[in-house]
Amino acid sequence: MNEKSDASTNGAVRKTLIFSAILIAGGIGGCIAGLVNGDAPPMVMGAIAAVCGALLAILSVLARRKTRS
């Protein structure tokens, strides 16, 4: 790969990691709100969001590793 596409890929990975961090934080916030209110749907949706954010972060890190090799 050339340097321009490496920089583009690294920028996309960085933005994806930021989005996944926001998704994880929002998911944890949803779980806490569900616990405080005693509602199951926010807890379930928050857990799903947090897990999806973690998976997205893992895939982003793997994508960055793939471009460096």
Protein backbone atom coordinates (compact mmCIF):
# COMPACT_ATOMS: atom_id res chain seq x y z
CA MET A 1 0.00 0.00 0.00
CA ASN A 2 1.11 3.51 -0.54
CA GLU A 3 1.43 6.15 2.18
CA LYS A 4 -1.73 8.02 1.18
CA SER A 5 -3.99 4.99 1.53
CA ASP A 6 -2.25 4.03 4.80
CA ALA A 7 -3.02 7.48 6.19
CA SER A 8 -6.60 7.22 4.95
CA THR A 9 -7.03 3.80 6.54
CA ASN A 10 -5.49 4.95 9.83
CA GLY A 11 -7.84 7.95 9.87
CA ALA A 12 -10.85 5.72 9.29
CA VAL A 13 -9.71 3.31 12.01
CA ARG A 14 -9.20 6.20 14.45
CA LYS A 15 -12.70 7.54 13.76
CA THR A 16 -14.18 4.06 14.15
CA LEU A 17 -12.42 3.63 17.50
CA ILE A 18 -13.83 6.96 18.69
CA PHE A 19 -17.31 5.90 17.60
CA SER A 20 -16.97 2.55 19.34
CA ALA A 21 -15.83 4.26 22.56
CA ILE A 22 -18.93 6.47 22.43
CA LEU A 23 -21.08 3.40 21.77
CA ILE A 24 -19.58 1.55 24.73
CA ALA A 25 -20.05 4.56 27.04
CA GLY A 26 -23.64 5.00 25.89
CA GLY A 27 -24.34 1.32 26.37
CA ILE A 28 -22.98 1.36 29.90
CA GLY A 29 -25.04 4.49 30.60
CA GLY A 30 -28.14 2.70 29.31
CA CYS A 31 -27.46 -0.26 31.57
CA ILE A 32 -27.06 2.00 34.57
CA ALA A 33 -30.23 3.92 33.73
CA GLY A 34 -32.11 0.64 33.42
CA LEU A 35 -30.81 -0.53 36.77
CA VAL A 36 -31.74 2.74 38.47
CA ASN A 37 -35.26 2.75 36.99
CA GLY A 38 -35.77 -0.99 37.24
CA ASP A 39 -36.53 -1.30 33.51
CA ALA A 40 -35.26 -4.27 31.55
CA PRO A 41 -35.28 -2.81 27.98
CA PRO A 42 -32.63 -0.12 28.65
CA MET A 43 -30.43 -2.71 30.34
CA VAL A 44 -30.74 -5.12 27.41
CA MET A 45 -30.24 -2.45 24.75
CA GLY A 46 -27.32 -0.95 26.70
CA ALA A 47 -25.66 -4.34 26.99
CA ILE A 48 -26.11 -4.95 23.26
CA ALA A 49 -24.66 -1.51 22.45
CA ALA A 50 -21.66 -2.04 24.72
CA VAL A 51 -20.91 -5.47 23.22
CA CYS A 52 -21.27 -4.16 19.67
CA GLY A 53 -18.96 -1.26 20.49
CA ALA A 54 -16.37 -3.66 21.87
CA LEU A 55 -16.60 -5.87 18.78
CA LEU A 56 -16.27 -2.84 16.52
CA ALA A 57 -13.17 -1.73 18.42
CA ILE A 58 -11.63 -5.18 18.08
CA LEU A 59 -12.30 -5.24 14.34
CA SER A 60 -10.81 -1.75 13.98
CA VAL A 61 -7.62 -2.77 15.75
CA LEU A 62 -7.37 -5.86 13.57
CA ALA A 63 -7.87 -3.72 10.45
CA ARG A 64 -5.04 -1.43 11.54
CA ARG A 65 -2.76 -4.44 12.13
CA LYS A 66 -3.65 -5.82 8.69
CA THR A 67 -2.65 -2.58 6.94
CA ARG A 68 0.70 -2.46 8.72
CA SER A 69 1.77 -5.96 7.68
